[in-house]
C-alpha cells in the first residue's frame, strides 16, 4: 500500500475516492500520473503534499 494524494483531472476516466491508502495494484492507472517517493514524504513533514500522507 502506498500513500498518495489523488487529484482528479481530465486524465482520469475512473472516479477514485480513497478512504485511506491507495493500492496501486488495484488502481494501476494512477501510477502513470504519480511518482511517489515514500522516504522523502516520511522525512519532509513541512511540505503540504507530505502532510496529507503523514496525517492519515
Protein backbone atom coordinates (compact mmCIF):
# COMPACT_ATOMS: atom_id res chain seq x y z
CA UNK A 1 0.00 0.00 0.00
CA UNK A 2 1.22 3.47 -0.85
CA UNK A 3 0.06 6.78 0.49
CA UNK A 4 -0.80 9.07 -2.40
CA UNK A 5 -2.77 12.21 -2.96
CA UNK A 6 -5.27 11.84 -5.79
CA UNK A 7 -6.19 14.97 -7.72
CA UNK A 8 -8.84 14.00 -10.28
CA UNK A 9 -8.37 15.65 -13.66
CA UNK A 10 -9.13 15.01 -17.32
CA UNK A 11 -6.54 12.24 -17.39
CA UNK A 12 -8.69 10.00 -15.21
CA UNK A 13 -11.61 8.05 -16.60
CA UNK A 14 -12.48 6.46 -13.29
CA UNK A 15 -13.69 8.19 -10.16
CA UNK A 16 -11.46 7.31 -7.23
CA UNK A 17 -12.28 8.46 -3.73
CA UNK A 18 -9.66 6.98 -1.38
CA UNK A 19 -10.57 6.48 2.25
CA UNK A 20 -7.05 5.74 3.47
CA UNK A 21 -4.20 4.39 1.37
CA UNK A 22 -4.21 3.53 -2.31
CA UNK A 23 -3.22 0.11 -3.59
CA UNK A 24 -1.56 0.74 -6.96
CA UNK A 25 -2.28 -2.88 -7.92
CA UNK A 26 -5.99 -2.11 -7.59
CA UNK A 27 -5.75 1.21 -9.47
CA UNK A 28 -2.81 0.75 -11.86
CA UNK A 29 -3.68 3.81 -13.96
CA UNK A 30 -2.77 6.10 -11.05
CA UNK A 31 0.86 5.05 -11.31
CA UNK A 32 1.11 6.74 -14.71
CA UNK A 33 0.42 10.14 -13.18
CA UNK A 34 2.01 9.97 -9.74
CA UNK A 35 5.60 9.37 -8.75
CA UNK A 36 5.73 8.58 -5.05
CA UNK A 37 8.92 8.85 -3.01
CA UNK A 38 7.85 7.42 0.35
CA UNK A 39 11.20 8.11 2.03
CA UNK A 40 11.05 11.78 1.12
CA UNK A 41 7.40 12.01 2.16
CA UNK A 42 8.04 10.46 5.56
CA UNK A 43 11.03 12.68 6.25
CA UNK A 44 9.68 16.02 5.00
CA UNK A 45 6.75 16.99 7.23
CA UNK A 46 6.95 20.65 6.12
CA UNK A 47 5.62 20.07 2.60
CA UNK A 48 1.82 20.25 2.32
CA UNK A 49 1.61 17.25 -0.02
CA UNK A 50 3.51 15.12 2.51
CA UNK A 51 1.42 16.33 5.45
CA UNK A 52 -1.63 14.72 3.85
CA UNK A 53 0.19 11.38 3.85
CA UNK A 54 1.54 11.78 7.35
CA UNK A 55 -1.82 12.65 8.92
CA UNK A 56 -3.61 9.52 7.65
